[in-house]
PDB file of N, CA and C in Angstrom:
ATOM      1  N   MET A   1      19.636  81.755 232.545  1.00  0.00           N
ATOM      2  CA  MET A   1      18.998  81.656 233.914  1.00  0.00           C
ATOM      3  C   MET A   1      20.964  82.412 234.675  1.00  0.00           C
ATOM      4  N   ASP A   2      20.628  83.301 235.717  1.00  0.00           N
ATOM      5  CA  ASP A   2      22.093  84.045 236.405  1.00  0.00           C
ATOM      6  C   ASP A   2      21.639  83.795 237.741  1.00  0.00           C
ATOM      7  N   ARG A   3      22.927  83.351 238.943  1.00  0.00           N
ATOM      8  CA  ARG A   3      22.721  83.074 240.229  1.00  0.00           C
ATOM      9  C   ARG A   3      22.824  84.469 241.009  1.00  0.00           C
ATOM     10  N   ASP A   4      21.861  84.425 242.110  1.00  0.00           N
ATOM     11  CA  ASP A   4      21.549  85.767 242.643  1.00  0.00           C
ATOM     12  C   ASP A   4      22.168  86.062 243.794  1.00  0.00           C
ATOM     13  N   GLU A   5      22.492  86.755 244.534  1.00  0.00           N
ATOM     14  CA  GLU A   5      23.132  86.639 245.488  1.00  0.00           C
ATOM     15  C   GLU A   5      22.199  87.904 246.625  1.00  0.00           C
ATOM     16  N   TYR A   6      21.673  87.078 247.790  1.00  0.00           N
ATOM     17  CA  TYR A   6      21.400  87.982 248.658  1.00  0.00           C
ATOM     18  C   TYR A   6      22.668  87.708 250.462  1.00  0.00           C
ATOM     19  N   PRO A   7      22.283  88.746 250.925  1.00  0.00           N
ATOM     20  CA  PRO A   7      23.094  89.947 250.332  1.00  0.00           C
ATOM     21  C   PRO A   7      23.962  90.344 249.087  1.00  0.00           C
ATOM     22  N   PRO A   8      23.273  91.204 248.510  1.00  0.00           N
ATOM     23  CA  PRO A   8      24.148  91.346 247.698  1.00  0.00           C
ATOM     24  C   PRO A   8      26.415  91.556 247.439  1.00  0.00           C
ATOM     25  N   ALA A   9      26.671  91.374 246.256  1.00  0.00           N
ATOM     26  CA  ALA A   9      28.297  90.639 246.535  1.00  0.00           C
ATOM     27  C   ALA A   9      29.018  91.569 247.391  1.00  0.00           C
ATOM     28  N   MET A  10      28.113  92.665 246.309  1.00  0.00           N
ATOM     29  CA  MET A  10      28.937  94.077 246.578  1.00  0.00           C
ATOM     30  C   MET A  10      29.199  94.964 248.173  1.00  0.00           C
ATOM     31  N   PHE A  11      28.200  94.324 248.771  1.00  0.00           N
ATOM     32  CA  PHE A  11      28.268  94.645 250.285  1.00  0.00           C
ATOM     33  C   PHE A  11      29.177  94.114 250.927  1.00  0.00           C
ATOM     34  N   GLN A  12      29.590  94.319 252.544  1.00  0.00           N
ATOM     35  CA  GLN A  12      30.452  93.437 253.396  1.00  0.00           C
ATOM     36  C   GLN A  12      30.191  92.319 253.958  1.00  0.00           C
ATOM     37  N   GLU A  13      28.275  92.605 253.916  1.00  0.00           N
ATOM     38  CA  GLU A  13      27.590  90.936 254.219  1.00  0.00           C
ATOM     39  C   GLU A  13      27.644  89.868 253.141  1.00  0.00           C
ATOM     40  N   GLY A  14      27.543  90.232 251.949  1.00  0.00           N
ATOM     41  CA  GLY A  14      27.394  89.780 251.417  1.00  0.00           C
ATOM     42  C   GLY A  14      28.682  88.067 250.821  1.00  0.00           C
ATOM     43  N   GLY A  15      28.726  87.568 250.259  1.00  0.00           N
ATOM     44  CA  GLY A  15      29.552  87.050 250.018  1.00  0.00           C
ATOM     45  C   GLY A  15      29.483  84.830 250.282  1.00  0.00           C
ATOM     46  N   GLN A  16      30.083  85.197 250.905  1.00  0.00           N
ATOM     47  CA  GLN A  16      30.592  83.425 252.071  1.00  0.00           C
ATOM     48  C   GLN A  16      29.263  83.790 252.885  1.00  0.00           C
ATOM     49  N   GLY A  17      28.247  82.469 252.772  1.00  0.00           N
ATOM     50  CA  GLY A  17      26.550  82.759 253.655  1.00  0.00           C
ATOM     51  C   GLY A  17      25.269  83.440 253.260  1.00  0.00           C
ATOM     52  N   ALA A  18      26.304  83.676 252.052  1.00  0.00           N
ATOM     53  CA  ALA A  18      24.635  83.815 251.578  1.00  0.00           C
ATOM     54  C   ALA A  18      23.690  83.233 250.629  1.00  0.00           C
ATOM     55  N   SER A  19      22.727  83.683 250.753  1.00  0.00           N
ATOM     56  CA  SER A  19      21.577  83.148 250.060  1.00  0.00           C
ATOM     57  C   SER A  19      21.328  83.209 248.261  1.00  0.00           C
ATOM     58  N   VAL A  20      22.502  81.780 247.720  1.00  0.00           N
ATOM     59  CA  VAL A  20      22.183  82.054 246.557  1.00  0.00           C
ATOM     60  C   VAL A  20      21.068  81.221 245.531  1.00  0.00           C
ATOM     61  N   LYS A  21      20.631  81.837 244.593  1.00  0.00           N
ATOM     62  CA  LYS A  21      19.732  81.311 244.085  1.00  0.00           C
ATOM     63  C   LYS A  21      19.485  81.548 242.971  1.00  0.00           C
ATOM     64  N   HIS A  22      18.968  80.497 241.386  1.00  0.00           N
ATOM     65  CA  HIS A  22      19.201  81.176 240.326  1.00  0.00           C
ATOM     66  C   HIS A  22      18.519  81.465 239.312  1.00  0.00           C
ATOM     67  N   ILE A  23      18.005  83.122 239.101  1.00  0.00           N
ATOM     68  CA  ILE A  23      16.869  83.329 238.895  1.00  0.00           C
ATOM     69  C   ILE A  23      16.598  83.732 236.976  1.00  0.00           C
ATOM     70  N   ASN A  24      16.266  84.434 236.690  1.00  0.00           N
ATOM     71  CA  ASN A  24      15.755  85.151 234.996  1.00  0.00           C
ATOM     72  C   ASN A  24      17.244  85.756 235.248  1.00  0.00           C
ATOM     73  N   SER A  25      18.285  86.246 234.107  1.00  0.00           N
ATOM     74  CA  SER A  25      18.950  86.560 233.553  1.00  0.00           C
ATOM     75  C   SER A  25      18.704  88.470 233.271  1.00  0.00           C
ATOM     76  N   ARG A  26      17.495  88.925 233.630  1.00  0.00           N
ATOM     77  CA  ARG A  26      16.938  90.285 232.833  1.00  0.00           C
ATOM     78  C   ARG A  26      16.945  90.691 234.468  1.00  0.00           C
ATOM     79  N   ASP A  27      16.680  89.666 235.179  1.00  0.00           N
ATOM     80  CA  ASP A  27      15.365  89.895 236.182  1.00  0.00           C
ATOM     81  C   ASP A  27      16.983  90.987 237.296  1.00  0.00           C
ATOM     82  N   SER A  28      18.202  89.443 237.744  1.00  0.00           N
ATOM     83  CA  SER A  28      19.091  90.116 238.055  1.00  0.00           C
ATOM     84  C   SER A  28      19.972  91.320 237.657  1.00  0.00           C
ATOM     85  N   ARG A  29      20.129  91.383 235.988  1.00  0.00           N
ATOM     86  CA  ARG A  29      21.169  92.377 235.436  1.00  0.00           C
ATOM     87  C   ARG A  29      20.479  93.333 235.589  1.00  0.00           C
ATOM     88  N   GLY A  30      18.752  94.147 235.665  1.00  0.00           N
ATOM     89  CA  GLY A  30      18.716  94.926 236.129  1.00  0.00           C
ATOM     90  C   GLY A  30      18.215  95.195 237.327  1.00  0.00           C
ATOM     91  N   ALA A  31      17.684  94.208 238.197  1.00  0.00           N
ATOM     92  CA  ALA A  31      18.153  94.617 240.074  1.00  0.00           C
ATOM     93  C   ALA A  31      19.222  95.070 240.249  1.00  0.00           C
ATOM     94  N   GLY A  32      20.745  94.113 239.727  1.00  0.00           N
ATOM     95  CA  GLY A  32      21.794  95.147 240.024  1.00  0.00           C
ATOM     96  C   GLY A  32      22.128  96.326 239.715  1.00  0.00           C
ATOM     97  N   ALA A  33      21.968  96.713 237.935  1.00  0.00           N
ATOM     98  CA  ALA A  33      22.281  97.969 237.888  1.00  0.00           C
ATOM     99  C   ALA A  33      21.579  98.922 238.550  1.00  0.00           C
ATOM    100  N   CYS A  34      20.250  98.571 238.931  1.00  0.00           N
ATOM    101  CA  CYS A  34      19.600  99.428 240.106  1.00  0.00           C
ATOM    102  C   CYS A  34      20.021  99.964 241.399  1.00  0.00           C
ATOM    103  N   ILE A  35      20.271  98.399 241.868  1.00  0.00           N
ATOM    104  CA  ILE A  35      21.427  98.551 243.118  1.00  0.00           C
ATOM    105  C   ILE A  35      22.518  99.889 243.184  1.00  0.00           C
ATOM    106  N   GLY A  36      23.454  99.163 241.799  1.00  0.00           N
ATOM    107  CA  GLY A  36      24.011 100.256 241.291  1.00  0.00           C
ATOM    108  C   GLY A  36      24.506 101.913 241.255  1.00  0.00           C
ATOM    109  N   ALA A  37      23.455 101.853 240.240  1.00  0.00           N
ATOM    110  CA  ALA A  37      23.281 102.968 240.638  1.00  0.00           C
ATOM    111  C   ALA A  37      22.974 103.939 241.510  1.00  0.00           C
ATOM    112  N   GLN A  38      21.688 103.852 241.875  1.00  0.00           N
ATOM    113  CA  GLN A  38      21.692 104.198 243.947  1.00  0.00           C
ATOM    114  C   GLN A  38      22.453 103.969 244.284  1.00  0.00           C
ATOM    115  N   CYS A  39      23.625 103.677 244.444  1.00  0.00           N
ATOM    116  CA  CYS A  39      24.821 103.259 245.339  1.00  0.00           C
ATOM    117  C   CYS A  39      26.597 104.390 245.006  1.00  0.00           C
ATOM    118  N   ARG A  40      26.173 104.503 243.364  1.00  0.00           N
ATOM    119  CA  ARG A  40      27.600 105.122 243.226  1.00  0.00           C
ATOM    120  C   ARG A  40      28.024 106.201 243.883  1.00  0.00           C
ATOM    121  N   GLU A  41      27.652 107.547 244.033  1.00  0.00           N
ATOM    122  CA  GLU A  41      27.825 108.241 244.830  1.00  0.00           C
ATOM    123  C   GLU A  41      28.955 108.411 246.144  1.00  0.00           C
ATOM    124  N   LEU A  42      27.954 106.632 246.504  1.00  0.00           N
ATOM    125  CA  LEU A  42      28.507 106.651 248.087  1.00  0.00           C
ATOM    126  C   LEU A  42      29.558 105.791 248.603  1.00  0.00           C
ATOM    127  N   SER A  43      30.205 107.023 249.522  1.00  0.00           N
ATOM    128  CA  SER A  43      31.731 106.375 249.938  1.00  0.00           C
ATOM    129  C   SER A  43      31.799 105.002 250.306  1.00  0.00           C
ATOM    130  N   ASN A  44      32.825 104.620 249.967  1.00  0.00           N
ATOM    131  CA  ASN A  44      32.646 103.127 250.207  1.00  0.00           C
ATOM    132  C   ASN A  44      33.108 103.664 252.330  1.00  0.00           C
ATOM    133  N   GLY A  45      32.301 102.160 252.033  1.00  0.00           N
ATOM    134  CA  GLY A  45      32.113 101.894 254.110  1.00  0.00           C
ATOM    135  C   GLY A  45      30.816 102.443 254.680  1.00  0.00           C
ATOM    136  N   THR A  46      29.576 103.225 253.874  1.00  0.00           N
ATOM    137  CA  THR A  46      28.345 103.978 253.757  1.00  0.00           C
ATOM    138  C   THR A  46      27.354 103.245 254.234  1.00  0.00           C
ATOM    139  N   LYS A  47      26.779 103.102 255.452  1.00  0.00           N
ATOM    140  CA  LYS A  47      26.161 102.134 255.860  1.00  0.00           C
ATOM    141  C   LYS A  47      24.152 102.813 255.393  1.00  0.00           C
ATOM    142  N   ILE A  48      23.594 101.850 254.820  1.00  0.00           N
ATOM    143  CA  ILE A  48      22.552 101.753 253.695  1.00  0.00           C
ATOM    144  C   ILE A  48      21.210  99.908 254.312  1.00  0.00           C
ATOM    145  N   GLN A  49      20.238 100.280 253.837  1.00  0.00           N
ATOM    146  CA  GLN A  49      18.934  99.673 254.664  1.00  0.00           C
ATOM    147  C   GLN A  49      18.453  99.220 253.764  1.00  0.00           C
ATOM    148  N   ILE A  50      18.549  98.155 252.838  1.00  0.00           N
ATOM    149  CA  ILE A  50      17.973  97.454 252.315  1.00  0.00           C
ATOM    150  C   ILE A  50      16.672  96.808 252.724  1.00  0.00           C
ATOM    151  N   GLU A  51      15.295  97.658 251.264  1.00  0.00           N
ATOM    152  CA  GLU A  51      14.063  97.011 252.641  1.00  0.00           C
ATOM    153  C   GLU A  51      13.414  96.223 251.284  1.00  0.00           C
ATOM    154  N   VAL A  52      13.595  94.118 251.948  1.00  0.00           N
ATOM    155  CA  VAL A  52      12.673  93.929 250.640  1.00  0.00           C
ATOM    156  C   VAL A  52      11.367  93.790 250.424  1.00  0.00           C
ATOM    157  N   VAL A  53      10.660  94.575 250.338  1.00  0.00           N
ATOM    158  CA  VAL A  53       9.311  94.300 249.538  1.00  0.00           C
ATOM    159  C   VAL A  53       8.808  93.369 248.939  1.00  0.00           C
ATOM    160  N   ASP A  54       7.698  92.667 249.064  1.00  0.00           N
ATOM    161  CA  ASP A  54       6.941  91.408 248.341  1.00  0.00           C
ATOM    162  C   ASP A  54       5.697  91.847 246.787  1.00  0.00           C
TER     163      ASP A  54
END
């Protein structure tokens, strides 16, 4: 199990006050890699919107 946070720590809103839960390591690392790949070419300070769907 890995600790996973929302909003992600890589964003300004992440960190202190974030929701942290233990989830399956494979899910956590896969989601992190997916978000990282999508944001790789963005400049620091670029605003994005994350839509959470169930």
